[in-house]
């Protein structure tokens, strides 16, 4: 009965988290502004106005791929986590808080990427990704330490656990580097974050 209850609670965590991820990733598209017809000059076409929105497209794609990668990794964590407690619930809540916040720095960096204050916007953008990476590391560390919340038996391969631990340990340092780069070039920092999302999110899965 205890195991059945624990797994049911884990399922509720996953369902709630999936809903938050879905809302956050959907809201990102709102950071792309539709060109206002009344603001188009006589010598400006709609196509040129759309091309001028490239900072918004870059910020949107970077955040979308990052949220998608984080959702994939979140799902990956819960293939091993079979139990939960209050601390784990709040740590998962911290992850969801930062993911939900992401549309704001996305809109911020899209608006200011070509502005003199671009470095500040880039720092907020990459700093949010750094915070998310730290939150994921804390979530996994708490769940996996001494197998606290992980399933037992032959279904859990220690090599897989070690591989995930290494990956989550690696992520925060790379996003910290992206944060440092933002003080040199906001655009380069955004591209760095996009590259990290692809690498961290879609590589390194254990092979069966």
N, C-alpha and C. Protein backbone atom coordinates (compact mmCIF):
# COMPACT_ATOMS: atom_id res chain seq x y z
N UNK A 1 0.83 -1.21 0.00
CA UNK A 1 0.00 0.00 0.00
C UNK A 1 0.85 1.25 0.00
N UNK A 2 1.97 1.24 0.76
CA UNK A 2 2.83 2.41 0.84
C UNK A 2 3.45 2.72 -0.51
N UNK A 3 3.95 1.68 -1.19
CA UNK A 3 4.58 1.89 -2.50
C UNK A 3 3.57 2.41 -3.50
N UNK A 4 2.36 1.87 -3.47
CA UNK A 4 1.33 2.31 -4.41
C UNK A 4 1.00 3.78 -4.20
N UNK A 5 0.90 4.20 -2.92
CA UNK A 5 0.60 5.58 -2.61
C UNK A 5 1.71 6.50 -3.09
N UNK A 6 2.97 6.08 -2.86
CA UNK A 6 4.11 6.90 -3.25
C UNK A 6 4.15 7.11 -4.76
N UNK A 7 3.90 6.05 -5.51
CA UNK A 7 3.93 6.16 -6.96
C UNK A 7 2.79 7.05 -7.46
N UNK A 8 1.63 6.98 -6.78
CA UNK A 8 0.52 7.83 -7.17
C UNK A 8 0.89 9.29 -6.94
N UNK A 9 1.55 9.61 -5.84
CA UNK A 9 1.97 10.97 -5.57
C UNK A 9 3.00 11.44 -6.60
N UNK A 10 3.90 10.56 -7.00
CA UNK A 10 4.88 10.92 -8.03
C UNK A 10 4.18 11.23 -9.34
N UNK A 11 3.17 10.46 -9.66
CA UNK A 11 2.41 10.70 -10.88
C UNK A 11 1.74 12.06 -10.86
N UNK A 12 1.23 12.47 -9.71
CA UNK A 12 0.60 13.78 -9.60
C UNK A 12 1.63 14.89 -9.78
N UNK A 13 2.83 14.70 -9.26
CA UNK A 13 3.90 15.69 -9.43
C UNK A 13 4.22 15.85 -10.91
N UNK A 14 4.35 14.74 -11.61
CA UNK A 14 4.67 14.78 -13.04
C UNK A 14 3.57 15.47 -13.83
N UNK A 15 2.31 15.14 -13.52
CA UNK A 15 1.19 15.73 -14.25
C UNK A 15 1.13 17.24 -14.03
N UNK A 16 1.29 17.66 -12.76
CA UNK A 16 1.27 19.09 -12.46
C UNK A 16 2.43 19.81 -13.14
N UNK A 17 3.61 19.20 -13.08
CA UNK A 17 4.80 19.80 -13.68
C UNK A 17 4.66 19.90 -15.20
N UNK A 18 4.11 18.86 -15.82
CA UNK A 18 3.91 18.89 -17.27
C UNK A 18 3.00 20.04 -17.66
N UNK A 19 1.98 20.31 -16.84
CA UNK A 19 1.07 21.40 -17.13
C UNK A 19 1.77 22.76 -17.06
N UNK A 20 2.64 22.92 -16.06
CA UNK A 20 3.38 24.17 -15.91
C UNK A 20 4.35 24.36 -17.07
N UNK A 21 5.06 23.30 -17.44
CA UNK A 21 5.97 23.38 -18.58
C UNK A 21 5.21 23.75 -19.85
N UNK A 22 4.04 23.15 -20.04
CA UNK A 22 3.25 23.41 -21.24
C UNK A 22 2.80 24.88 -21.31
N UNK A 23 2.37 25.42 -20.17
CA UNK A 23 1.94 26.82 -20.14
C UNK A 23 3.12 27.74 -20.41
N UNK A 24 4.24 27.48 -19.76
CA UNK A 24 5.43 28.33 -19.91
C UNK A 24 5.91 28.35 -21.36
N UNK A 25 5.96 27.18 -21.99
CA UNK A 25 6.48 27.10 -23.35
C UNK A 25 5.51 27.74 -24.34
N UNK A 26 4.22 27.74 -23.99
CA UNK A 26 3.22 28.38 -24.86
C UNK A 26 3.30 29.91 -24.76
N UNK A 27 3.52 30.41 -23.56
CA UNK A 27 3.58 31.86 -23.34
C UNK A 27 4.77 32.50 -24.05
N UNK A 28 5.78 31.70 -24.37
CA UNK A 28 6.96 32.27 -25.01
C UNK A 28 6.65 32.94 -26.34
N UNK A 29 5.66 32.42 -27.05
CA UNK A 29 5.34 32.99 -28.38
C UNK A 29 4.81 34.42 -28.24
N UNK A 30 4.31 34.78 -27.08
CA UNK A 30 3.79 36.13 -26.87
C UNK A 30 4.90 37.17 -26.83
N UNK A 31 6.15 36.70 -26.74
CA UNK A 31 7.28 37.64 -26.74
C UNK A 31 7.56 38.16 -28.15
N UNK A 32 6.97 37.53 -29.16
CA UNK A 32 7.14 37.99 -30.54
C UNK A 32 5.99 38.94 -30.87
N UNK A 33 6.32 40.18 -31.13
CA UNK A 33 5.30 41.21 -31.38
C UNK A 33 4.93 41.26 -32.86
N UNK A 34 3.64 41.37 -33.12
CA UNK A 34 3.17 41.55 -34.49
C UNK A 34 3.41 43.01 -34.89
N UNK A 35 4.05 43.24 -36.03
CA UNK A 35 4.28 44.63 -36.47
C UNK A 35 2.97 45.39 -36.58
N UNK A 36 2.96 46.59 -36.02
CA UNK A 36 1.77 47.43 -36.06
C UNK A 36 1.65 48.09 -37.43
N UNK A 37 0.51 47.90 -38.08
CA UNK A 37 0.30 48.44 -39.43
C UNK A 37 0.42 49.96 -39.46
N UNK A 38 -0.03 50.59 -38.39
CA UNK A 38 0.00 52.06 -38.36
C UNK A 38 1.41 52.61 -38.20
N UNK A 39 2.35 51.76 -37.77
CA UNK A 39 3.72 52.20 -37.55
C UNK A 39 4.62 51.95 -38.76
N UNK A 40 4.10 51.28 -39.77
CA UNK A 40 4.90 51.04 -40.97
C UNK A 40 5.01 52.34 -41.78
N UNK A 41 6.25 52.72 -42.08
CA UNK A 41 6.44 53.94 -42.86
C UNK A 41 6.14 53.70 -44.33
N UNK A 42 6.12 54.78 -45.06
CA UNK A 42 5.82 54.69 -46.50
C UNK A 42 6.88 53.90 -47.24
N UNK A 43 8.12 53.92 -46.73
CA UNK A 43 9.21 53.22 -47.39
C UNK A 43 9.55 51.91 -46.70
N UNK A 44 8.67 51.44 -45.82
CA UNK A 44 8.92 50.18 -45.11
C UNK A 44 7.83 49.17 -45.42
N UNK A 45 8.26 47.96 -45.76
CA UNK A 45 7.32 46.89 -46.08
C UNK A 45 7.13 45.99 -44.87
N UNK A 46 6.08 45.18 -44.93
CA UNK A 46 5.82 44.24 -43.84
C UNK A 46 6.95 43.22 -43.74
N UNK A 47 7.48 42.79 -44.89
CA UNK A 47 8.56 41.80 -44.87
C UNK A 47 9.80 42.34 -44.15
N UNK A 48 10.13 43.61 -44.39
CA UNK A 48 11.29 44.19 -43.71
C UNK A 48 11.04 44.33 -42.22
N UNK A 49 9.78 44.63 -41.85
CA UNK A 49 9.43 44.74 -40.44
C UNK A 49 9.53 43.38 -39.76
N UNK A 50 9.13 42.34 -40.47
CA UNK A 50 9.24 40.99 -39.92
C UNK A 50 10.70 40.57 -39.75
N UNK A 51 11.53 40.93 -40.72
CA UNK A 51 12.95 40.60 -40.63
C UNK A 51 13.62 41.34 -39.48
N UNK A 52 13.12 42.53 -39.19
CA UNK A 52 13.69 43.32 -38.11
C UNK A 52 13.40 42.72 -36.74
N UNK A 53 12.49 41.76 -36.70
CA UNK A 53 12.15 41.10 -35.43
C UNK A 53 13.08 39.93 -35.11
N UNK A 54 14.21 39.81 -35.83
CA UNK A 54 15.07 38.64 -35.62
C UNK A 54 15.54 38.47 -34.17
N UNK A 55 15.75 39.55 -33.39
CA UNK A 55 16.11 39.30 -31.98
C UNK A 55 15.02 38.56 -31.21
N UNK A 56 13.77 38.84 -31.56
CA UNK A 56 12.64 38.16 -30.91
C UNK A 56 12.61 36.68 -31.30
N UNK A 57 12.89 36.41 -32.58
CA UNK A 57 12.92 35.02 -33.02
C UNK A 57 14.04 34.25 -32.32
N UNK A 58 15.21 34.88 -32.22
CA UNK A 58 16.35 34.23 -31.58
C UNK A 58 16.06 33.94 -30.12
N UNK A 59 15.51 34.92 -29.41
CA UNK A 59 15.20 34.74 -28.00
C UNK A 59 14.13 33.66 -27.81
N UNK A 60 13.12 33.68 -28.69
CA UNK A 60 12.04 32.69 -28.60
C UNK A 60 12.57 31.28 -28.81
N UNK A 61 13.35 31.08 -29.87
CA UNK A 61 13.88 29.74 -30.16
C UNK A 61 14.78 29.26 -29.02
N UNK A 62 15.62 30.15 -28.51
CA UNK A 62 16.52 29.77 -27.41
C UNK A 62 15.74 29.32 -26.19
N UNK A 63 14.74 30.09 -25.80
CA UNK A 63 13.94 29.74 -24.63
C UNK A 63 13.09 28.50 -24.88
N UNK A 64 12.52 28.39 -26.09
CA UNK A 64 11.69 27.23 -26.40
C UNK A 64 12.50 25.94 -26.32
N UNK A 65 13.67 25.95 -26.96
CA UNK A 65 14.52 24.76 -26.94
C UNK A 65 14.99 24.45 -25.52
N UNK A 66 15.26 25.49 -24.74
CA UNK A 66 15.69 25.27 -23.37
C UNK A 66 14.58 24.66 -22.52
N UNK A 67 13.38 25.20 -22.62
CA UNK A 67 12.26 24.65 -21.86
C UNK A 67 11.97 23.21 -22.29
N UNK A 68 12.03 22.96 -23.60
CA UNK A 68 11.82 21.61 -24.10
C UNK A 68 12.87 20.66 -23.53
N UNK A 69 14.13 21.09 -23.55
CA UNK A 69 15.22 20.25 -23.02
C UNK A 69 15.04 20.01 -21.53
N UNK A 70 14.62 21.03 -20.80
CA UNK A 70 14.41 20.89 -19.35
C UNK A 70 13.24 19.95 -19.07
N UNK A 71 12.21 20.03 -19.90
CA UNK A 71 11.09 19.11 -19.73
C UNK A 71 11.53 17.67 -19.98
N UNK A 72 12.34 17.47 -21.01
CA UNK A 72 12.87 16.14 -21.31
C UNK A 72 13.68 15.62 -20.13
N UNK A 73 14.53 16.47 -19.57
CA UNK A 73 15.34 16.05 -18.43
C UNK A 73 14.49 15.84 -17.18
N UNK A 74 13.44 16.63 -17.03
CA UNK A 74 12.52 16.45 -15.91
C UNK A 74 11.85 15.08 -16.01
N UNK A 75 11.41 14.74 -17.21
CA UNK A 75 10.83 13.42 -17.44
C UNK A 75 11.85 12.33 -17.15
N UNK A 76 13.08 12.57 -17.54
CA UNK A 76 14.14 11.60 -17.32
C UNK A 76 14.37 11.36 -15.83
N UNK A 77 14.33 12.43 -15.04
CA UNK A 77 14.49 12.29 -13.59
C UNK A 77 13.43 11.37 -13.02
N UNK A 78 12.20 11.56 -13.49
CA UNK A 78 11.09 10.80 -12.91
C UNK A 78 10.99 9.38 -13.44
N UNK A 79 11.86 8.99 -14.36
CA UNK A 79 11.93 7.57 -14.70
C UNK A 79 12.66 6.80 -13.60
N UNK A 80 13.37 7.53 -12.74
CA UNK A 80 14.10 6.90 -11.64
C UNK A 80 13.48 7.21 -10.28
N UNK A 81 12.88 8.38 -10.14
CA UNK A 81 12.29 8.76 -8.85
C UNK A 81 10.96 8.03 -8.66
N UNK A 82 10.83 7.32 -7.53
CA UNK A 82 9.62 6.56 -7.26
C UNK A 82 8.89 7.04 -6.01
N UNK A 83 9.55 7.90 -5.23
CA UNK A 83 8.95 8.39 -3.99
C UNK A 83 9.11 9.90 -3.92
N UNK A 84 8.42 10.51 -2.98
CA UNK A 84 8.54 11.95 -2.80
C UNK A 84 8.36 12.30 -1.33
N UNK A 85 8.81 13.49 -0.96
CA UNK A 85 8.56 14.02 0.37
C UNK A 85 8.38 15.53 0.24
N UNK A 86 8.19 16.22 1.36
CA UNK A 86 7.90 17.64 1.31
C UNK A 86 9.04 18.44 0.70
N UNK A 87 10.27 18.10 1.07
CA UNK A 87 11.43 18.83 0.54
C UNK A 87 11.51 18.69 -0.97
N UNK A 88 11.30 17.48 -1.45
CA UNK A 88 11.36 17.24 -2.89
C UNK A 88 10.27 18.02 -3.62
N UNK A 89 9.09 18.10 -3.03
CA UNK A 89 7.99 18.84 -3.64
C UNK A 89 8.34 20.32 -3.78
N UNK A 90 8.96 20.90 -2.76
CA UNK A 90 9.32 22.31 -2.83
C UNK A 90 10.49 22.56 -3.77
N UNK A 91 11.42 21.61 -3.83
CA UNK A 91 12.51 21.75 -4.80
C UNK A 91 11.98 21.69 -6.23
N UNK A 92 11.02 20.81 -6.45
CA UNK A 92 10.39 20.75 -7.77
C UNK A 92 9.63 22.04 -8.04
N UNK A 93 9.02 22.60 -7.00
CA UNK A 93 8.33 23.87 -7.15
C UNK A 93 9.27 25.01 -7.53
N UNK A 94 10.49 24.97 -7.01
CA UNK A 94 11.49 25.98 -7.37
C UNK A 94 11.83 25.89 -8.86
N UNK A 95 11.98 24.67 -9.36
CA UNK A 95 12.23 24.48 -10.79
C UNK A 95 11.10 25.08 -11.60
N UNK A 96 9.87 24.79 -11.21
CA UNK A 96 8.71 25.29 -11.95
C UNK A 96 8.59 26.81 -11.84
N UNK A 97 8.97 27.39 -10.69
CA UNK A 97 8.95 28.84 -10.53
C UNK A 97 9.84 29.51 -11.56
N UNK A 98 11.05 29.01 -11.71
CA UNK A 98 12.01 29.61 -12.64
C UNK A 98 11.61 29.38 -14.10
N UNK A 99 11.05 28.21 -14.39
CA UNK A 99 10.58 27.94 -15.75
C UNK A 99 9.42 28.86 -16.10
N UNK A 100 8.52 29.08 -15.16
CA UNK A 100 7.39 29.97 -15.38
C UNK A 100 7.84 31.41 -15.59
N UNK A 101 8.93 31.80 -14.92
CA UNK A 101 9.47 33.17 -15.01
C UNK A 101 10.13 33.44 -16.36
N UNK A 102 10.53 32.39 -17.07
CA UNK A 102 11.35 32.52 -18.27
C UNK A 102 10.78 33.43 -19.36
N UNK A 103 9.46 33.48 -19.60
CA UNK A 103 8.97 34.39 -20.64
C UNK A 103 9.37 35.85 -20.43
N UNK A 104 9.52 36.27 -19.16
CA UNK A 104 9.90 37.66 -18.91
C UNK A 104 11.31 37.98 -19.41
N UNK A 105 12.36 37.25 -18.99
CA UNK A 105 13.69 37.56 -19.53
C UNK A 105 13.79 37.32 -21.03
N UNK A 106 12.95 36.43 -21.56
CA UNK A 106 12.93 36.22 -23.01
C UNK A 106 12.46 37.48 -23.72
N UNK A 107 11.36 38.06 -23.24
CA UNK A 107 10.85 39.30 -23.83
C UNK A 107 11.85 40.44 -23.60
N UNK A 108 12.50 40.44 -22.45
CA UNK A 108 13.45 41.50 -22.12
C UNK A 108 14.64 41.50 -23.07
N UNK A 109 15.25 40.33 -23.27
CA UNK A 109 16.44 40.27 -24.13
C UNK A 109 16.06 40.49 -25.59
N UNK A 110 14.86 40.08 -25.99
CA UNK A 110 14.40 40.31 -27.36
C UNK A 110 14.25 41.80 -27.63
N UNK A 111 13.76 42.53 -26.64
CA UNK A 111 13.53 43.96 -26.80
C UNK A 111 14.82 44.77 -26.75
N UNK A 112 15.79 44.32 -25.97
CA UNK A 112 16.99 45.12 -25.73
C UNK A 112 18.26 44.57 -26.38
N UNK A 113 18.15 43.52 -27.19
CA UNK A 113 19.34 42.91 -27.76
C UNK A 113 20.16 43.89 -28.59
N UNK A 114 19.50 44.83 -29.26
CA UNK A 114 20.20 45.82 -30.08
C UNK A 114 20.28 47.18 -29.40
N UNK A 115 19.97 47.21 -28.13
CA UNK A 115 19.95 48.45 -27.34
C UNK A 115 21.27 48.60 -26.57
N UNK A 116 21.66 49.82 -26.21
CA UNK A 116 22.87 50.01 -25.40
C UNK A 116 22.84 49.26 -24.07
N UNK A 117 21.62 48.96 -23.56
CA UNK A 117 21.49 48.22 -22.31
C UNK A 117 21.39 46.71 -22.54
N UNK A 118 21.85 46.25 -23.68
CA UNK A 118 21.72 44.83 -24.04
C UNK A 118 22.42 43.91 -23.04
N UNK A 119 23.53 44.35 -22.49
CA UNK A 119 24.30 43.49 -21.57
C UNK A 119 23.51 43.19 -20.30
N UNK A 120 22.75 44.17 -19.83
CA UNK A 120 21.92 43.94 -18.64
C UNK A 120 20.83 42.91 -18.95
N UNK A 121 20.18 43.09 -20.10
CA UNK A 121 19.14 42.14 -20.51
C UNK A 121 19.72 40.74 -20.71
N UNK A 122 20.91 40.66 -21.32
CA UNK A 122 21.56 39.37 -21.52
C UNK A 122 21.92 38.71 -20.21
N UNK A 123 22.33 39.52 -19.22
CA UNK A 123 22.67 38.97 -17.91
C UNK A 123 21.45 38.40 -17.20
N UNK A 124 20.31 39.11 -17.31
CA UNK A 124 19.07 38.60 -16.71
C UNK A 124 18.63 37.31 -17.41
N UNK A 125 18.76 37.28 -18.73
CA UNK A 125 18.36 36.12 -19.53
C UNK A 125 19.21 34.90 -19.18
N UNK A 126 20.52 35.03 -19.31
CA UNK A 126 21.41 33.90 -19.02
C UNK A 126 21.43 33.57 -17.53
N UNK A 127 21.23 34.59 -16.68
CA UNK A 127 21.18 34.33 -15.25
C UNK A 127 19.99 33.49 -14.86
N UNK A 128 18.88 33.67 -15.57
CA UNK A 128 17.69 32.84 -15.32
C UNK A 128 17.98 31.39 -15.69
N UNK A 129 18.67 31.17 -16.80
CA UNK A 129 19.04 29.81 -17.20
C UNK A 129 19.99 29.18 -16.17
N UNK A 130 20.90 29.99 -15.65
CA UNK A 130 21.80 29.51 -14.61
C UNK A 130 21.01 29.08 -13.38
N UNK A 131 20.02 29.89 -13.00
CA UNK A 131 19.18 29.53 -11.86
C UNK A 131 18.42 28.24 -12.08
N UNK A 132 17.91 28.05 -13.29
CA UNK A 132 17.19 26.82 -13.61
C UNK A 132 18.12 25.61 -13.51
N UNK A 133 19.34 25.77 -14.02
CA UNK A 133 20.32 24.68 -13.96
C UNK A 133 20.65 24.31 -12.52
N UNK A 134 20.80 25.32 -11.66
CA UNK A 134 21.07 25.08 -10.24
C UNK A 134 19.90 24.36 -9.59
N UNK A 135 18.68 24.79 -9.92
CA UNK A 135 17.48 24.17 -9.35
C UNK A 135 17.37 22.71 -9.76
N UNK A 136 17.66 22.40 -11.02
CA UNK A 136 17.64 21.01 -11.48
C UNK A 136 18.70 20.18 -10.78
N UNK A 137 19.87 20.75 -10.61
CA UNK A 137 20.95 20.04 -9.92
C UNK A 137 20.53 19.73 -8.49
N UNK A 138 19.92 20.70 -7.81
CA UNK A 138 19.47 20.49 -6.44
C UNK A 138 18.38 19.44 -6.35
N UNK A 139 17.45 19.47 -7.32
CA UNK A 139 16.35 18.50 -7.33
C UNK A 139 16.88 17.08 -7.47
N UNK A 140 17.79 16.89 -8.43
CA UNK A 140 18.35 15.56 -8.66
C UNK A 140 19.24 15.12 -7.51
N UNK A 141 20.04 16.04 -6.98
CA UNK A 141 20.95 15.70 -5.87
C UNK A 141 20.15 15.23 -4.67
N UNK A 142 19.07 15.92 -4.36
CA UNK A 142 18.26 15.54 -3.21
C UNK A 142 17.62 14.17 -3.41
N UNK A 143 17.10 13.94 -4.61
CA UNK A 143 16.40 12.68 -4.87
C UNK A 143 17.36 11.49 -4.93
N UNK A 144 18.57 11.72 -5.46
CA UNK A 144 19.49 10.60 -5.72
C UNK A 144 20.46 10.34 -4.59
N UNK A 145 20.65 11.26 -3.67
CA UNK A 145 21.63 11.06 -2.60
C UNK A 145 21.27 9.82 -1.78
N UNK A 146 22.19 8.87 -1.76
CA UNK A 146 21.97 7.60 -1.07
C UNK A 146 20.71 6.89 -1.53
N UNK A 147 20.29 7.18 -2.77
CA UNK A 147 19.10 6.55 -3.33
C UNK A 147 17.83 6.93 -2.58
N UNK A 148 17.81 8.15 -2.00
CA UNK A 148 16.74 8.57 -1.10
C UNK A 148 15.35 8.36 -1.68
N UNK A 149 15.14 8.80 -2.92
CA UNK A 149 13.80 8.73 -3.50
C UNK A 149 13.76 7.88 -4.78
N UNK A 150 14.83 7.18 -5.06
CA UNK A 150 14.90 6.39 -6.28
C UNK A 150 14.31 5.01 -6.09
N UNK A 151 13.89 4.42 -7.21
CA UNK A 151 13.38 3.07 -7.17
C UNK A 151 14.52 2.09 -6.92
N UNK A 152 14.22 0.98 -6.38
CA UNK A 152 15.26 -0.01 -6.11
C UNK A 152 15.20 -1.17 -7.08
N UNK A 153 16.03 -2.15 -6.83
CA UNK A 153 16.02 -3.35 -7.66
C UNK A 153 16.86 -3.22 -8.91
N UNK A 154 16.68 -4.16 -9.81
CA UNK A 154 17.48 -4.23 -11.03
C UNK A 154 17.11 -3.14 -12.05
N UNK A 155 15.96 -2.49 -11.84
CA UNK A 155 15.51 -1.49 -12.81
C UNK A 155 16.37 -0.24 -12.80
N UNK A 156 17.13 -0.03 -11.72
CA UNK A 156 17.97 1.15 -11.60
C UNK A 156 19.42 0.75 -11.82
N UNK A 157 20.01 1.25 -12.89
CA UNK A 157 21.40 0.98 -13.22
C UNK A 157 22.26 2.07 -12.59
N UNK A 158 23.20 1.72 -11.70
CA UNK A 158 24.05 2.73 -11.06
C UNK A 158 24.82 3.59 -12.07
N UNK A 159 25.17 3.01 -13.21
CA UNK A 159 25.88 3.78 -14.23
C UNK A 159 25.01 4.89 -14.79
N UNK A 160 23.71 4.62 -14.94
CA UNK A 160 22.79 5.65 -15.41
C UNK A 160 22.68 6.78 -14.38
N UNK A 161 22.60 6.41 -13.12
CA UNK A 161 22.51 7.41 -12.05
C UNK A 161 23.75 8.29 -12.05
N UNK A 162 24.91 7.68 -12.16
CA UNK A 162 26.17 8.45 -12.18
C UNK A 162 26.24 9.36 -13.40
N UNK A 163 25.77 8.87 -14.54
CA UNK A 163 25.81 9.67 -15.76
C UNK A 163 24.91 10.90 -15.63
N UNK A 164 23.73 10.73 -15.07
CA UNK A 164 22.81 11.86 -14.88
C UNK A 164 23.41 12.86 -13.89
N UNK A 165 24.01 12.34 -12.83
CA UNK A 165 24.63 13.21 -11.83
C UNK A 165 25.73 14.05 -12.45
N UNK A 166 26.55 13.46 -13.31
CA UNK A 166 27.62 14.20 -13.97
C UNK A 166 27.04 15.28 -14.88
N UNK A 167 25.98 14.94 -15.59
CA UNK A 167 25.39 15.90 -16.53
C UNK A 167 24.81 17.10 -15.78
N UNK A 168 24.10 16.87 -14.68
CA UNK A 168 23.52 17.97 -13.92
C UNK A 168 24.58 18.77 -13.18
N UNK A 169 25.74 18.17 -12.92
CA UNK A 169 26.84 18.90 -12.30
C UNK A 169 27.53 19.79 -13.31
N UNK A 170 27.52 19.37 -14.56
CA UNK A 170 28.19 20.09 -15.63
C UNK A 170 27.40 21.33 -16.07
N UNK A 171 26.08 21.22 -16.09
CA UNK A 171 25.22 22.28 -16.61
C UNK A 171 25.39 23.64 -15.96
N UNK A 172 25.33 23.75 -14.62
CA UNK A 172 25.42 25.06 -13.98
C UNK A 172 26.70 25.83 -14.33
N UNK A 173 27.82 25.13 -14.43
CA UNK A 173 29.08 25.81 -14.76
C UNK A 173 29.04 26.40 -16.16
N UNK A 174 28.42 25.69 -17.10
CA UNK A 174 28.34 26.18 -18.47
C UNK A 174 27.41 27.39 -18.57
N UNK A 175 26.30 27.34 -17.84
CA UNK A 175 25.40 28.49 -17.86
C UNK A 175 26.00 29.67 -17.10
N UNK A 176 26.83 29.39 -16.12
CA UNK A 176 27.56 30.47 -15.45
C UNK A 176 28.51 31.14 -16.43
N UNK A 177 29.11 30.34 -17.30
CA UNK A 177 29.98 30.89 -18.34
C UNK A 177 29.17 31.77 -19.30
N UNK A 178 27.96 31.32 -19.65
CA UNK A 178 27.09 32.12 -20.51
C UNK A 178 26.73 33.44 -19.84
N UNK A 179 26.53 33.40 -18.53
CA UNK A 179 26.23 34.62 -17.77
C UNK A 179 27.42 35.58 -17.82
N UNK A 180 28.63 35.04 -17.69
CA UNK A 180 29.82 35.89 -17.77
C UNK A 180 29.99 36.48 -19.16
N UNK A 181 29.69 35.69 -20.19
CA UNK A 181 29.82 36.16 -21.57
C UNK A 181 28.84 37.31 -21.85
N UNK A 182 27.70 37.33 -21.16
CA UNK A 182 26.70 38.37 -21.40
C UNK A 182 27.23 39.77 -21.11
N UNK A 183 28.25 39.88 -20.26
CA UNK A 183 28.83 41.19 -19.95
C UNK A 183 29.78 41.65 -21.05
N UNK A 184 30.08 40.74 -21.97
CA UNK A 184 30.90 41.08 -23.13
C UNK A 184 30.03 41.28 -24.35
N UNK A 185 29.10 40.32 -24.58
CA UNK A 185 28.20 40.38 -25.72
C UNK A 185 26.91 39.65 -25.39
N UNK A 186 25.81 40.39 -25.37
CA UNK A 186 24.52 39.78 -25.07
C UNK A 186 24.13 38.77 -26.16
N UNK A 187 24.38 39.14 -27.42
CA UNK A 187 24.04 38.25 -28.53
C UNK A 187 24.79 36.94 -28.46
N UNK A 188 26.08 37.00 -28.16
CA UNK A 188 26.88 35.79 -28.05
C UNK A 188 26.42 34.93 -26.89
N UNK A 189 26.02 35.58 -25.81
CA UNK A 189 25.52 34.84 -24.65
C UNK A 189 24.24 34.09 -24.98
N UNK A 190 23.35 34.71 -25.76
CA UNK A 190 22.10 34.05 -26.15
C UNK A 190 22.39 32.83 -27.02
N UNK A 191 23.30 32.99 -27.97
CA UNK A 191 23.67 31.87 -28.84
C UNK A 191 24.32 30.76 -28.02
N UNK A 192 25.12 31.14 -27.03
CA UNK A 192 25.76 30.17 -26.14
C UNK A 192 24.69 29.38 -25.39
N UNK A 193 23.66 30.07 -24.88
CA UNK A 193 22.59 29.41 -24.16
C UNK A 193 21.82 28.44 -25.07
N UNK A 194 21.61 28.85 -26.31
CA UNK A 194 20.92 27.98 -27.27
C UNK A 194 21.74 26.71 -27.51
N UNK A 195 23.05 26.87 -27.67
CA UNK A 195 23.92 25.71 -27.89
C UNK A 195 23.91 24.78 -26.69
N UNK A 196 23.91 25.35 -25.49
CA UNK A 196 23.89 24.53 -24.27
C UNK A 196 22.59 23.75 -24.15
N UNK A 197 21.48 24.38 -24.54
CA UNK A 197 20.19 23.71 -24.47
C UNK A 197 20.18 22.46 -25.35
N UNK A 198 20.78 22.57 -26.53
CA UNK A 198 20.85 21.44 -27.44
C UNK A 198 21.75 20.35 -26.88
N UNK A 199 22.92 20.75 -26.38
CA UNK A 199 23.89 19.79 -25.88
C UNK A 199 23.40 19.09 -24.62
N UNK A 200 22.97 19.88 -23.63
CA UNK A 200 22.54 19.33 -22.35
C UNK A 200 21.23 18.57 -22.47
N UNK A 201 20.35 19.05 -23.33
CA UNK A 201 19.03 18.43 -23.42
C UNK A 201 18.92 17.22 -24.28
N UNK A 202 19.74 17.15 -25.33
CA UNK A 202 19.55 16.09 -26.31
C UNK A 202 20.74 15.15 -26.46
N UNK A 203 21.74 15.32 -25.61
CA UNK A 203 22.87 14.40 -25.63
C UNK A 203 23.09 13.85 -24.23
N UNK A 204 23.74 12.70 -24.17
CA UNK A 204 24.11 12.17 -22.88
C UNK A 204 23.12 11.21 -22.26
N UNK A 205 22.05 10.83 -23.02
CA UNK A 205 21.12 9.84 -22.47
C UNK A 205 21.81 8.49 -22.40
N UNK A 206 21.59 7.78 -21.29
CA UNK A 206 22.20 6.45 -21.16
C UNK A 206 21.73 5.52 -22.27
N UNK A 207 22.62 4.73 -22.76
CA UNK A 207 22.28 3.76 -23.81
C UNK A 207 21.85 2.45 -23.17
N UNK A 208 20.80 1.88 -23.73
CA UNK A 208 20.35 0.60 -23.21
C UNK A 208 21.21 -0.52 -23.76
